[in-house]
C-alpha atoms as a PDB file:
ATOM      1  CA  MET A   1      57.210  47.145  23.060  1.00  0.00           C
ATOM      2  CA  PHE A   2      55.007  44.506  21.802  1.00  0.00           C
ATOM      3  CA  THR A   3      53.120  44.935  18.505  1.00  0.00           C
ATOM      4  CA  GLY A   4      53.840  48.623  18.997  1.00  0.00           C
ATOM      5  CA  GLU A   5      52.370  48.799  22.384  1.00  0.00           C
ATOM      6  CA  LEU A   6      54.090  49.193  25.762  1.00  0.00           C
ATOM      7  CA  ALA A   7      53.973  45.727  27.744  1.00  0.00           C
ATOM      8  CA  TRP A   8      54.951  44.501  31.145  1.00  0.00           C
ATOM      9  CA  VAL A   9      57.998  42.263  31.346  1.00  0.00           C
ATOM     10  CA  VAL A  10      58.071  39.737  34.101  1.00  0.00           C
ATOM     11  CA  SER A  11      61.542  38.441  34.829  1.00  0.00           C
ATOM     12  CA  ARG A  12      61.507  36.679  38.156  1.00  0.00           C
ATOM     13  CA  TYR A  13      61.055  32.929  38.257  1.00  0.00           C
ATOM     14  CA  GLU A  14      58.223  32.699  40.720  1.00  0.00           C
ATOM     15  CA  GLU A  15      56.257  35.442  39.274  1.00  0.00           C
ATOM     16  CA  ILE A  16      56.760  34.029  35.949  1.00  0.00           C
ATOM     17  CA  ARG A  17      55.242  30.579  37.136  1.00  0.00           C
ATOM     18  CA  ALA A  18      52.523  32.443  38.696  1.00  0.00           C
ATOM     19  CA  ALA A  19      51.575  34.369  35.590  1.00  0.00           C
ATOM     20  CA  LEU A  20      51.667  31.470  33.280  1.00  0.00           C
ATOM     21  CA  THR A  21      49.008  29.820  35.625  1.00  0.00           C
ATOM     22  CA  ASP A  22      46.961  32.742  36.116  1.00  0.00           C
ATOM     23  CA  PRO A  23      43.527  32.571  34.267  1.00  0.00           C
ATOM     24  CA  ARG A  24      43.288  36.335  34.019  1.00  0.00           C
ATOM     25  CA  LEU A  25      46.191  36.266  31.446  1.00  0.00           C
ATOM     26  CA  SER A  26      44.842  34.885  28.086  1.00  0.00           C
ATOM     27  CA  ALA A  27      47.120  33.196  25.444  1.00  0.00           C
ATOM     28  CA  ASN A  28      44.983  34.679  22.851  1.00  0.00           C
ATOM     29  CA  SER A  29      47.131  37.671  22.522  1.00  0.00           C
ATOM     30  CA  LEU A  30      48.112  38.186  18.920  1.00  0.00           C
ATOM     31  CA  PRO A  31      46.960  41.090  16.876  1.00  0.00           C
ATOM     32  CA  ASP A  32      44.412  40.395  14.087  1.00  0.00           C
ATOM     33  CA  SER A  33      47.008  41.551  11.561  1.00  0.00           C
ATOM     34  CA  THR A  34      49.229  38.443  12.237  1.00  0.00           C
ATOM     35  CA  LYS A  35      46.277  35.824  12.016  1.00  0.00           C
ATOM     36  CA  VAL A  36      45.806  33.821   8.851  1.00  0.00           C
ATOM     37  CA  THR A  37      42.694  32.851   7.134  1.00  0.00           C
ATOM     38  CA  GLY A  38      42.022  30.128   4.271  1.00  0.00           C
ATOM     39  CA  ASP A  39      40.733  30.484   1.087  1.00  0.00           C
ATOM     40  CA  ASP A  40      37.330  30.064   2.142  1.00  0.00           C
ATOM     41  CA  ASP A  41      37.687  32.854   4.981  1.00  0.00           C
ATOM     42  CA  GLU A  42      38.059  30.136   7.682  1.00  0.00           C
ATOM     43  CA  THR A  43      40.478  31.165  10.401  1.00  0.00           C
ATOM     44  CA  PRO A  44      42.106  27.933  11.692  1.00  0.00           C
ATOM     45  CA  VAL A  45      42.577  27.561  15.455  1.00  0.00           C
ATOM     46  CA  PHE A  46      45.907  27.767  16.647  1.00  0.00           C
ATOM     47  CA  PHE A  47      45.778  25.600  19.902  1.00  0.00           C
ATOM     48  CA  ALA A  48      48.836  27.269  21.495  1.00  0.00           C
ATOM     49  CA  ARG A  49      46.876  30.661  21.476  1.00  0.00           C
ATOM     50  CA  THR A  50      43.724  29.248  23.016  1.00  0.00           C
ATOM     51  CA  ASP A  51      42.825  29.089  26.725  1.00  0.00           C
ATOM     52  CA  ASP A  52      40.890  26.223  28.611  1.00  0.00           C
ATOM     53  CA  PRO A  53      38.694  24.591  28.125  1.00  0.00           C
ATOM     54  CA  GLU A  54      39.227  24.737  24.331  1.00  0.00           C
ATOM     55  CA  HIS A  55      43.112  24.448  24.701  1.00  0.00           C
ATOM     56  CA  ASN A  56      42.776  21.143  26.764  1.00  0.00           C
ATOM     57  CA  ARG A  57      40.225  19.982  24.234  1.00  0.00           C
ATOM     58  CA  LEU A  58      42.661  20.387  21.252  1.00  0.00           C
ATOM     59  CA  ARG A  59      45.699  19.495  23.151  1.00  0.00           C
ATOM     60  CA  ARG A  60      44.192  16.037  23.988  1.00  0.00           C
ATOM     61  CA  MET A  61      44.329  15.395  20.414  1.00  0.00           C
ATOM     62  CA  LEU A  62      48.200  15.591  20.381  1.00  0.00           C
ATOM     63  CA  THR A  63      49.162  13.973  23.520  1.00  0.00           C
ATOM     64  CA  ARG A  64      49.028  10.233  22.725  1.00  0.00           C
ATOM     65  CA  ASP A  65      51.936  11.081  20.149  1.00  0.00           C
ATOM     66  CA  PHE A  66      54.025  13.092  22.735  1.00  0.00           C
ATOM     67  CA  THR A  67      53.884  10.869  25.970  1.00  0.00           C
ATOM     68  CA  VAL A  68      57.080   9.401  27.738  1.00  0.00           C
ATOM     69  CA  ARG A  69      55.996   5.932  26.417  1.00  0.00           C
ATOM     70  CA  ARG A  70      55.792   7.277  22.854  1.00  0.00           C
ATOM     71  CA  ALA A  71      59.033   8.727  22.959  1.00  0.00           C
ATOM     72  CA  LYS A  72      60.642   5.618  24.188  1.00  0.00           C
ATOM     73  CA  GLU A  73      58.819   3.526  21.364  1.00  0.00           C
ATOM     74  CA  MET A  74      60.645   6.003  18.968  1.00  0.00           C
ATOM     75  CA  ALA A  75      64.036   5.870  20.549  1.00  0.00           C
ATOM     76  CA  PRO A  76      65.321   2.909  18.428  1.00  0.00           C
ATOM     77  CA  ASP A  77      64.268   4.674  15.340  1.00  0.00           C
ATOM     78  CA  ILE A  78      65.938   7.916  16.593  1.00  0.00           C
ATOM     79  CA  GLN A  79      69.097   6.048  17.335  1.00  0.00           C
ATOM     80  CA  LYS A  80      69.145   4.481  13.947  1.00  0.00           C
ATOM     81  CA  LEU A  81      69.031   8.047  12.338  1.00  0.00           C
ATOM     82  CA  VAL A  82      71.609   9.336  14.603  1.00  0.00           C
ATOM     83  CA  ASP A  83      73.713   6.774  13.889  1.00  0.00           C
ATOM     84  CA  GLY A  84      73.295   7.095  10.057  1.00  0.00           C
ATOM     85  CA  PHE A  85      74.547  10.592  10.182  1.00  0.00           C
ATOM     86  CA  LEU A  86      77.364  10.032  12.394  1.00  0.00           C
ATOM     87  CA  ASP A  87      78.598   7.131  10.226  1.00  0.00           C
ATOM     88  CA  ALA A  88      78.367   9.606   7.243  1.00  0.00           C
ATOM     89  CA  MET A  89      80.427  12.184   8.855  1.00  0.00           C
ATOM     90  CA  ILE A  90      82.981   9.812  10.076  1.00  0.00           C
ATOM     91  CA  ALA A  91      83.201   8.235   6.675  1.00  0.00           C
ATOM     92  CA  ALA A  92      83.877  11.570   5.047  1.00  0.00           C
ATOM     93  CA  GLY A  93      86.295  12.520   7.662  1.00  0.00           C
ATOM     94  CA  PRO A  94      86.992  15.896   9.377  1.00  0.00           C
ATOM     95  CA  PRO A  95      86.451  18.557   9.378  1.00  0.00           C
ATOM     96  CA  SER A  96      82.703  18.658   9.163  1.00  0.00           C
ATOM     97  CA  ASP A  97      79.960  21.190   9.856  1.00  0.00           C
ATOM     98  CA  LEU A  98      78.043  19.728  12.593  1.00  0.00           C
ATOM     99  CA  VAL A  99      75.017  22.017  11.948  1.00  0.00           C
ATOM    100  CA  ARG A 100      74.553  20.911   8.359  1.00  0.00           C
ATOM    101  CA  ASP A 101      75.705  17.241   8.770  1.00  0.00           C
ATOM    102  CA  PHE A 102      73.943  16.274  12.068  1.00  0.00           C
ATOM    103  CA  ALA A 103      72.112  19.003  14.229  1.00  0.00           C
ATOM    104  CA  LEU A 104      69.574  20.130  11.457  1.00  0.00           C
ATOM    105  CA  PRO A 105      68.926  16.630   9.543  1.00  0.00           C
ATOM    106  CA  VAL A 106      68.294  14.492  12.629  1.00  0.00           C
ATOM    107  CA  PRO A 107      65.308  16.551  14.159  1.00  0.00           C
ATOM    108  CA  SER A 108      64.229  17.062  10.457  1.00  0.00           C
ATOM    109  CA  LEU A 109      63.889  13.285  10.107  1.00  0.00           C
ATOM    110  CA  VAL A 110      62.400  12.851  13.383  1.00  0.00           C
ATOM    111  CA  ILE A 111      59.582  15.217  13.171  1.00  0.00           C
ATOM    112  CA  CYS A 112      58.793  13.890   9.509  1.00  0.00           C
ATOM    113  CA  LEU A 113      58.533  10.424  10.982  1.00  0.00           C
ATOM    114  CA  LEU A 114      56.230  11.604  13.682  1.00  0.00           C
ATOM    115  CA  LEU A 115      53.981  13.598  11.571  1.00  0.00           C
ATOM    116  CA  GLY A 116      54.195  11.373   8.425  1.00  0.00           C
ATOM    117  CA  VAL A 117      55.743  14.093   6.123  1.00  0.00           C
ATOM    118  CA  PRO A 118      57.831  12.893   3.247  1.00  0.00           C
ATOM    119  CA  TYR A 119      61.506  13.571   4.041  1.00  0.00           C
ATOM    120  CA  GLU A 120      62.234  14.634   0.461  1.00  0.00           C
ATOM    121  CA  ASP A 121      60.075  17.741   1.259  1.00  0.00           C
ATOM    122  CA  HIS A 122      62.184  18.757   4.238  1.00  0.00           C
ATOM    123  CA  GLU A 123      64.218  21.648   2.425  1.00  0.00           C
ATOM    124  CA  PHE A 124      60.770  23.050   1.552  1.00  0.00           C
ATOM    125  CA  PHE A 125      59.552  23.227   5.185  1.00  0.00           C
ATOM    126  CA  GLU A 126      62.728  24.225   6.499  1.00  0.00           C
ATOM    127  CA  GLU A 127      62.769  27.220   4.309  1.00  0.00           C
ATOM    128  CA  HIS A 128      59.383  28.376   5.226  1.00  0.00           C
ATOM    129  CA  SER A 129      60.106  27.551   9.217  1.00  0.00           C
ATOM    130  CA  VAL A 130      62.892  30.082   8.926  1.00  0.00           C
ATOM    131  CA  ALA A 131      60.941  32.853   7.243  1.00  0.00           C
ATOM    132  CA  GLY A 132      58.124  32.275   9.820  1.00  0.00           C
ATOM    133  CA  LEU A 133      60.580  32.652  12.858  1.00  0.00           C
ATOM    134  CA  ASP A 134      62.762  35.483  11.413  1.00  0.00           C
ATOM    135  CA  VAL A 135      62.114  38.587  13.418  1.00  0.00           C
ATOM    136  CA  LYS A 136      62.683  40.859  10.367  1.00  0.00           C
ATOM    137  CA  THR A 137      60.077  39.246   8.359  1.00  0.00           C
ATOM    138  CA  THR A 138      57.040  41.603   8.128  1.00  0.00           C
ATOM    139  CA  ASP A 139      53.458  40.268   9.072  1.00  0.00           C
ATOM    140  CA  GLU A 140      52.470  40.011   5.307  1.00  0.00           C
ATOM    141  CA  GLN A 141      55.655  37.870   4.696  1.00  0.00           C
ATOM    142  CA  ARG A 142      55.178  35.740   7.812  1.00  0.00           C
ATOM    143  CA  ILE A 143      51.630  34.978   6.967  1.00  0.00           C
ATOM    144  CA  GLU A 144      52.453  34.207   3.159  1.00  0.00           C
ATOM    145  CA  SER A 145      55.045  31.736   4.707  1.00  0.00           C
ATOM    146  CA  ILE A 146      52.690  30.126   7.051  1.00  0.00           C
ATOM    147  CA  MET A 147      49.863  29.856   4.395  1.00  0.00           C
ATOM    148  CA  THR A 148      52.161  28.087   2.046  1.00  0.00           C
ATOM    149  CA  MET A 149      53.158  25.606   4.656  1.00  0.00           C
ATOM    150  CA  ILE A 150      49.523  25.189   5.784  1.00  0.00           C
ATOM    151  CA  ASN A 151      48.349  24.611   2.013  1.00  0.00           C
ATOM    152  CA  TYR A 152      51.197  22.013   1.764  1.00  0.00           C
ATOM    153  CA  ILE A 153      49.788  20.156   4.861  1.00  0.00           C
ATOM    154  CA  THR A 154      46.280  20.465   3.820  1.00  0.00           C
ATOM    155  CA  GLU A 155      47.128  18.581   0.561  1.00  0.00           C
ATOM    156  CA  LEU A 156      49.117  16.123   2.772  1.00  0.00           C
ATOM    157  CA  LEU A 157      46.228  15.526   5.048  1.00  0.00           C
ATOM    158  CA  GLN A 158      43.817  14.893   2.026  1.00  0.00           C
ATOM    159  CA  ARG A 159      46.337  12.170   0.905  1.00  0.00           C
ATOM    160  CA  LYS A 160      46.211  10.754   4.411  1.00  0.00           C
ATOM    161  CA  LYS A 161      42.605   9.864   3.975  1.00  0.00           C
ATOM    162  CA  THR A 162      43.346   7.161   1.408  1.00  0.00           C
ATOM    163  CA  GLU A 163      46.950   6.541   2.314  1.00  0.00           C
ATOM    164  CA  PRO A 164      47.016   6.552   6.225  1.00  0.00           C
ATOM    165  CA  GLY A 165      49.949   5.821   8.257  1.00  0.00           C
ATOM    166  CA  ASP A 166      50.960   5.450  11.943  1.00  0.00           C
ATOM    167  CA  ASP A 167      51.622   9.150  12.316  1.00  0.00           C
ATOM    168  CA  LEU A 168      50.126  12.149  13.803  1.00  0.00           C
ATOM    169  CA  LEU A 169      48.582  13.766  10.527  1.00  0.00           C
ATOM    170  CA  SER A 170      46.848  10.443   9.736  1.00  0.00           C
ATOM    171  CA  ARG A 171      45.202  10.543  13.143  1.00  0.00           C
ATOM    172  CA  LEU A 172      44.004  14.059  13.058  1.00  0.00           C
ATOM    173  CA  MET A 173      42.533  13.622   9.600  1.00  0.00           C
ATOM    174  CA  ASN A 174      41.000  10.180  10.140  1.00  0.00           C
ATOM    175  CA  GLU A 175      39.930  10.488  13.619  1.00  0.00           C
ATOM    176  CA  ASN A 176      39.613  14.191  14.745  1.00  0.00           C
ATOM    177  CA  VAL A 177      38.668  15.730  11.306  1.00  0.00           C
ATOM    178  CA  ALA A 178      36.483  12.830  10.471  1.00  0.00           C
ATOM    179  CA  ASN A 179      34.552  13.068  13.744  1.00  0.00           C
ATOM    180  CA  GLY A 180      34.098  16.723  13.461  1.00  0.00           C
ATOM    181  CA  ASP A 181      36.233  17.769  16.197  1.00  0.00           C
ATOM    182  CA  ILE A 182      38.264  19.925  14.105  1.00  0.00           C
ATOM    183  CA  SER A 183      38.507  21.356  10.610  1.00  0.00           C
ATOM    184  CA  VAL A 184      40.955  20.490   8.003  1.00  0.00           C
ATOM    185  CA  MET A 185      42.425  23.950   8.254  1.00  0.00           C
ATOM    186  CA  THR A 186      42.982  23.579  12.149  1.00  0.00           C
ATOM    187  CA  ALA A 187      44.442  20.096  11.481  1.00  0.00           C
ATOM    188  CA  ALA A 188      46.735  21.761   8.965  1.00  0.00           C
ATOM    189  CA  MET A 189      47.628  24.757  11.439  1.00  0.00           C
ATOM    190  CA  THR A 190      48.526  22.096  14.042  1.00  0.00           C
ATOM    191  CA  GLY A 191      50.650  20.223  11.818  1.00  0.00           C
ATOM    192  CA  TRP A 192      52.507  23.239  10.947  1.00  0.00           C
ATOM    193  CA  VAL A 193      53.070  24.377  14.392  1.00  0.00           C
ATOM    194  CA  MET A 194      54.267  20.713  15.335  1.00  0.00           C
ATOM    195  CA  LEU A 195      56.658  20.702  12.029  1.00  0.00           C
ATOM    196  CA  GLN A 196      58.162  24.113  12.946  1.00  0.00           C
ATOM    197  CA  ALA A 197      58.693  23.647  16.636  1.00  0.00           C
ATOM    198  CA  GLY A 198      59.850  20.217  16.484  1.00  0.00           C
ATOM    199  CA  HIS A 199      62.417  20.977  13.763  1.00  0.00           C
ATOM    200  CA  GLU A 200      63.939  24.467  14.670  1.00  0.00           C
ATOM    201  CA  THR A 201      64.085  24.091  18.523  1.00  0.00           C
ATOM    202  CA  THR A 202      65.747  20.654  18.560  1.00  0.00           C
ATOM    203  CA  ALA A 203      68.369  21.510  15.850  1.00  0.00           C
ATOM    204  CA  SER A 204      69.324  24.537  17.674  1.00  0.00           C
ATOM    205  CA  MET A 205      69.828  22.772  20.868  1.00  0.00           C
ATOM    206  CA  ILE A 206      72.059  20.072  19.357  1.00  0.00           C
ATOM    207  CA  GLY A 207      74.294  22.554  17.809  1.00  0.00           C
ATOM    208  CA  LEU A 208      74.482  25.167  20.679  1.00  0.00           C
ATOM    209  CA  GLY A 209      74.423  22.208  23.268  1.00  0.00           C
ATOM    210  CA  THR A 210      77.486  20.766  21.289  1.00  0.00           C
ATOM    211  CA  LEU A 211      79.421  23.913  21.606  1.00  0.00           C
ATOM    212  CA  VAL A 212      78.576  24.359  25.349  1.00  0.00           C
ATOM    213  CA  LEU A 213      79.924  20.621  25.977  1.00  0.00           C
ATOM    214  CA  LEU A 214      83.147  21.322  24.000  1.00  0.00           C
ATOM    215  CA  LYS A 215      83.650  24.146  26.449  1.00  0.00           C
ATOM    216  CA  ASN A 216      82.869  21.716  29.212  1.00  0.00           C
ATOM    217  CA  PRO A 217      84.614  18.547  28.869  1.00  0.00           C
ATOM    218  CA  ASP A 218      83.658  16.994  32.020  1.00  0.00           C
ATOM    219  CA  ALA A 219      80.052  17.004  30.942  1.00  0.00           C
ATOM    220  CA  PHE A 220      81.003  15.571  27.604  1.00  0.00           C
ATOM    221  CA  ALA A 221      82.622  12.969  29.330  1.00  0.00           C
ATOM    222  CA  ILE A 222      79.551  12.263  31.537  1.00  0.00           C
ATOM    223  CA  LEU A 223      77.387  11.784  28.391  1.00  0.00           C
ATOM    224  CA  ARG A 224      80.272   9.391  26.999  1.00  0.00           C
ATOM    225  CA  ASP A 225      80.864   7.323  29.964  1.00  0.00           C
ATOM    226  CA  GLY A 226      77.512   7.783  32.216  1.00  0.00           C
ATOM    227  CA  ASP A 227      74.225   6.085  32.522  1.00  0.00           C
ATOM    228  CA  SER A 228      70.961   7.450  31.318  1.00  0.00           C
ATOM    229  CA  ALA A 229      70.062   9.293  34.281  1.00  0.00           C
ATOM    230  CA  ALA A 230      73.379  11.246  34.203  1.00  0.00           C
ATOM    231  CA  GLY A 231      72.779  12.065  30.570  1.00  0.00           C
ATOM    232  CA  LEU A 232      69.412  13.364  31.159  1.00  0.00           C
ATOM    233  CA  GLN A 233      70.668  15.718  33.844  1.00  0.00           C
ATOM    234  CA  VAL A 234      73.267  16.985  31.271  1.00  0.00           C
ATOM    235  CA  VAL A 235      70.496  17.646  28.771  1.00  0.00           C
ATOM    236  CA  ASP A 236      68.172  19.417  31.243  1.00  0.00           C
ATOM    237  CA  GLU A 237      71.038  21.636  32.651  1.00  0.00           C
ATOM    238  CA  LEU A 238      71.618  22.501  28.786  1.00  0.00           C
ATOM    239  CA  LEU A 239      67.959  23.304  28.516  1.00  0.00           C
ATOM    240  CA  ARG A 240      68.082  25.598  31.492  1.00  0.00           C
ATOM    241  CA  TYR A 241      71.274  27.327  30.507  1.00  0.00           C
ATOM    242  CA  LEU A 242      70.525  27.964  26.867  1.00  0.00           C
ATOM    243  CA  THR A 243      67.028  28.611  26.869  1.00  0.00           C
ATOM    244  CA  ILE A 244      66.822  28.888  23.110  1.00  0.00           C
ATOM    245  CA  VAL A 245      63.569  30.644  22.464  1.00  0.00           C
ATOM    246  CA  HIS A 246      65.243  34.040  21.458  1.00  0.00           C
ATOM    247  CA  SER A 247      64.931  36.397  24.325  1.00  0.00           C
ATOM    248  CA  GLY A 248      62.700  33.807  26.125  1.00  0.00           C
ATOM    249  CA  LEU A 249      59.580  35.907  25.838  1.00  0.00           C
ATOM    250  CA  VAL A 250      56.032  34.514  26.040  1.00  0.00           C
ATOM    251  CA  ASP A 251      53.387  36.822  25.720  1.00  0.00           C
ATOM    252  CA  ARG A 252      49.769  37.016  27.285  1.00  0.00           C
ATOM    253  CA  VAL A 253      47.156  39.510  27.632  1.00  0.00           C
ATOM    254  CA  ALA A 254      45.142  40.545  30.679  1.00  0.00           C
ATOM    255  CA  THR A 255      41.247  39.926  30.453  1.00  0.00           C
ATOM    256  CA  GLU A 256      40.698  41.869  33.820  1.00  0.00           C
ATOM    257  CA  ASP A 257      42.497  44.245  36.186  1.00  0.00           C
ATOM    258  CA  PHE A 258      44.785  42.483  38.754  1.00  0.00           C
ATOM    259  CA  GLU A 259      47.997  42.804  40.644  1.00  0.00           C
ATOM    260  CA  LEU A 260      51.135  40.833  39.828  1.00  0.00           C
ATOM    261  CA  GLY A 261      54.381  41.330  41.703  1.00  0.00           C
ATOM    262  CA  GLY A 262      53.045  44.382  43.310  1.00  0.00           C
ATOM    263  CA  GLN A 263      52.088  46.190  40.022  1.00  0.00           C
ATOM    264  CA  LEU A 264      48.784  46.761  38.789  1.00  0.00           C
ATOM    265  CA  ILE A 265      48.076  45.221  35.468  1.00  0.00           C
ATOM    266  CA  SER A 266      44.969  46.812  33.604  1.00  0.00           C
ATOM    267  CA  LYS A 267      42.547  44.783  31.376  1.00  0.00           C
ATOM    268  CA  GLY A 268      44.008  44.812  27.746  1.00  0.00           C
ATOM    269  CA  ASP A 269      47.705  45.064  28.943  1.00  0.00           C
ATOM    270  CA  HIS A 270      50.240  42.901  27.265  1.00  0.00           C
ATOM    271  CA  VAL A 271      52.556  40.814  29.644  1.00  0.00           C
ATOM    272  CA  MET A 272      55.872  39.255  28.441  1.00  0.00           C
ATOM    273  CA  MET A 273      57.309  36.388  30.522  1.00  0.00           C
ATOM    274  CA  ASN A 274      61.120  36.282  30.070  1.00  0.00           C
ATOM    275  CA  LEU A 275      61.840  32.774  30.471  1.00  0.00           C
ATOM    276  CA  THR A 276      65.567  33.066  30.149  1.00  0.00           C
ATOM    277  CA  ALA A 277      65.630  35.673  33.165  1.00  0.00           C
ATOM    278  CA  GLY A 278      63.691  33.029  35.163  1.00  0.00           C
ATOM    279  CA  ASN A 279      66.071  30.364  34.509  1.00  0.00           C
ATOM    280  CA  TYR A 280      68.704  32.727  35.638  1.00  0.00           C
ATOM    281  CA  ASP A 281      66.935  33.991  38.687  1.00  0.00           C
ATOM    282  CA  PRO A 282      69.247  33.172  41.810  1.00  0.00           C
ATOM    283  CA  VAL A 283      65.941  32.340  43.667  1.00  0.00           C
ATOM    284  CA  PHE A 284      65.578  29.396  41.311  1.00  0.00           C
ATOM    285  CA  THR A 285      69.102  28.243  41.195  1.00  0.00           C
ATOM    286  CA  ALA A 286      72.566  29.487  42.813  1.00  0.00           C
ATOM    287  CA  ARG A 287      75.236  30.825  40.514  1.00  0.00           C
ATOM    288  CA  PRO A 288      72.834  30.439  37.393  1.00  0.00           C
ATOM    289  CA  GLU A 289      75.509  32.048  34.986  1.00  0.00           C
ATOM    290  CA  LEU A 290      77.671  28.675  35.378  1.00  0.00           C
ATOM    291  CA  PHE A 291      76.876  25.594  33.469  1.00  0.00           C
ATOM    292  CA  ASP A 292      76.684  23.161  36.305  1.00  0.00           C
ATOM    293  CA  VAL A 293      75.335  19.517  35.601  1.00  0.00           C
ATOM    294  CA  ASP A 294      75.372  18.860  39.350  1.00  0.00           C
ATOM    295  CA  ARG A 295      72.680  21.509  40.109  1.00  0.00           C
ATOM    296  CA  ASN A 296      69.136  20.774  40.769  1.00  0.00           C
ATOM    297  CA  ASN A 297      67.504  22.193  37.802  1.00  0.00           C
ATOM    298  CA  ARG A 298      64.079  20.449  38.167  1.00  0.00           C
ATOM    299  CA  GLY A 299      61.362  22.959  37.351  1.00  0.00           C
ATOM    300  CA  HIS A 300      63.451  25.121  34.678  1.00  0.00           C
ATOM    301  CA  LEU A 301      61.282  26.984  32.237  1.00  0.00           C
ATOM    302  CA  ALA A 302      62.936  26.152  28.908  1.00  0.00           C
ATOM    303  CA  PHE A 303      59.592  24.316  28.069  1.00  0.00           C
ATOM    304  CA  GLY A 304      57.493  26.902  29.664  1.00  0.00           C
ATOM    305  CA  TYR A 305      55.115  26.340  32.538  1.00  0.00           C
ATOM    306  CA  GLY A 306      51.414  25.566  33.102  1.00  0.00           C
ATOM    307  CA  ILE A 307      48.891  24.389  30.721  1.00  0.00           C
ATOM    308  CA  HIS A 308      50.790  25.612  27.743  1.00  0.00           C
ATOM    309  CA  GLN A 309      53.991  23.908  28.772  1.00  0.00           C
ATOM    310  CA  CYS A 310      55.597  22.320  25.518  1.00  0.00           C
ATOM    311  CA  VAL A 311      53.557  19.367  24.538  1.00  0.00           C
ATOM    312  CA  GLY A 312      56.745  17.882  22.838  1.00  0.00           C
ATOM    313  CA  GLN A 313      59.080  18.073  25.703  1.00  0.00           C
ATOM    314  CA  ASN A 314      59.326  14.359  26.185  1.00  0.00           C
ATOM    315  CA  LEU A 315      60.333  13.808  22.586  1.00  0.00           C
ATOM    316  CA  ALA A 316      62.739  16.690  22.685  1.00  0.00           C
ATOM    317  CA  ARG A 317      64.660  15.375  25.767  1.00  0.00           C
ATOM    318  CA  THR A 318      64.819  11.824  24.008  1.00  0.00           C
ATOM    319  CA  GLU A 319      66.244  13.282  20.795  1.00  0.00           C
ATOM    320  CA  LEU A 320      68.703  15.623  22.613  1.00  0.00           C
ATOM    321  CA  GLN A 321      69.845  12.650  24.993  1.00  0.00           C
ATOM    322  CA  ILE A 322      70.271  10.207  22.005  1.00  0.00           C
ATOM    323  CA  ALA A 323      71.973  12.849  19.677  1.00  0.00           C
ATOM    324  CA  LEU A 324      74.454  14.382  22.407  1.00  0.00           C
ATOM    325  CA  THR A 325      75.291  10.793  24.159  1.00  0.00           C
ATOM    326  CA  SER A 326      75.963   9.246  20.599  1.00  0.00           C
ATOM    327  CA  LEU A 327      78.205  12.327  19.566  1.00  0.00           C
ATOM    328  CA  ALA A 328      80.117  11.901  22.686  1.00  0.00           C
ATOM    329  CA  ARG A 329      80.661   8.167  22.484  1.00  0.00           C
ATOM    330  CA  ARG A 330      81.323   8.017  18.715  1.00  0.00           C
ATOM    331  CA  LEU A 331      83.575  11.103  18.646  1.00  0.00           C
ATOM    332  CA  PRO A 332      85.113  11.367  21.948  1.00  0.00           C
ATOM    333  CA  THR A 333      87.970  13.684  20.618  1.00  0.00           C
ATOM    334  CA  LEU A 334      85.518  16.191  18.917  1.00  0.00           C
ATOM    335  CA  ARG A 335      86.686  19.861  19.202  1.00  0.00           C
ATOM    336  CA  LEU A 336      86.063  23.004  17.226  1.00  0.00           C
ATOM    337  CA  ALA A 337      87.761  23.412  13.916  1.00  0.00           C
ATOM    338  CA  VAL A 338      87.881  27.168  14.138  1.00  0.00           C
ATOM    339  CA  PRO A 339      88.390  29.748  16.986  1.00  0.00           C
ATOM    340  CA  GLU A 340      85.180  30.249  18.847  1.00  0.00           C
ATOM    341  CA  GLU A 341      85.083  33.882  18.068  1.00  0.00           C
ATOM    342  CA  ASP A 342      84.590  33.107  14.442  1.00  0.00           C
ATOM    343  CA  LEU A 343      81.258  31.367  15.099  1.00  0.00           C
ATOM    344  CA  ASP A 344      78.350  33.040  13.269  1.00  0.00           C
ATOM    345  CA  PHE A 345      75.247  33.131  15.568  1.00  0.00           C
ATOM    346  CA  MET A 346      71.667  33.569  13.984  1.00  0.00           C
ATOM    347  CA  ASN A 347      70.070  35.947  16.103  1.00  0.00           C
ATOM    348  CA  ASP A 348      67.333  37.324  13.701  1.00  0.00           C
ATOM    349  CA  GLN A 349      64.924  34.619  14.483  1.00  0.00           C
ATOM    350  CA  ALA A 350      62.533  33.727  17.351  1.00  0.00           C
ATOM    351  CA  ILE A 351      64.736  30.576  18.021  1.00  0.00           C
ATOM    352  CA  TRP A 352      68.480  31.311  17.856  1.00  0.00           C
ATOM    353  CA  ARG A 353      71.105  28.906  16.820  1.00  0.00           C
ATOM    354  CA  LEU A 354      74.464  28.582  15.127  1.00  0.00           C
ATOM    355  CA  LYS A 355      74.634  29.213  11.369  1.00  0.00           C
ATOM    356  CA  GLU A 356      77.611  26.688  11.354  1.00  0.00           C
ATOM    357  CA  LEU A 357      79.670  24.554  13.672  1.00  0.00           C
ATOM    358  CA  PRO A 358      82.949  23.694  12.250  1.00  0.00           C
ATOM    359  CA  VAL A 359      84.390  20.528  14.015  1.00  0.00           C
ATOM    360  CA  THR A 360      87.170  18.154  13.807  1.00  0.00           C
ATOM    361  CA  TRP A 361      88.273  15.027  15.743  1.00  0.00           C
END
């Protein structure tokens, strides 16, 4: 069921890719009850829920901040942040909660740096990010949480007019809003999406990825001793293996009748792509249930596929590689401080993660 209606679920790798590139399936699939409006009744444009050509127009406003080159430029700052948190962990001594002391604060600081958000506000946006992703949250509660964040970012955007920086929000306000390309509300919505996605997903991957690595010491050793290419291979296998978007479902709505995988999809039908199932399809990769850093995982679906593929994937890979490689090199004897069966997983959110990860060394 999707928003109370029956929906098709696509689980095979090739058909997921076909569906995510089919123009007859629209990303504008959310019901009106989940949409937000501003104080002046303006509905901000959620670029991830638009189709081309509008999606491409909005996405181009963001790409300069998420290129491979930009990720490489940010790498020294990311390394400095990572080293700082590891220094603090080591100085405090074991045991440590890796989620609290490392996995959550690292991506929080990185996305604050990218967007130009004061880090002293990170607890505020973390609270509302969790509320917006909790699957138990009602539509009304979710909209309230989103609007709280959009109002906060709107105020921040206004400050960027007189106090601009080298950051995404400053460029959105002083270039795109100033030129009439987008409204302030749409800029605020875009900032909220980037803030939420860039924080929650990477934090989850660092925590869960560390757990997988502790259960696979050979892969942990590759991060410790290997080169950059080997480290990136480990990161991509973690992305495929975990596929952290809860249940891996990406939804679309059919704009006309057509056939997909031998089934007739009718206009108005909702179609859900199960990215996790696609990443575990034996047609895509052999013995997918195994964590195998030697497999060819090129083309995995952890970042989606097609025109809506995650705009932040270059930054995410860079963050994960730096964070996990530094962890392996600075704390080579890292291990769980509690039995694995005592770990608490947060499964009530769109993005699943560990509540805590007690470790020692």
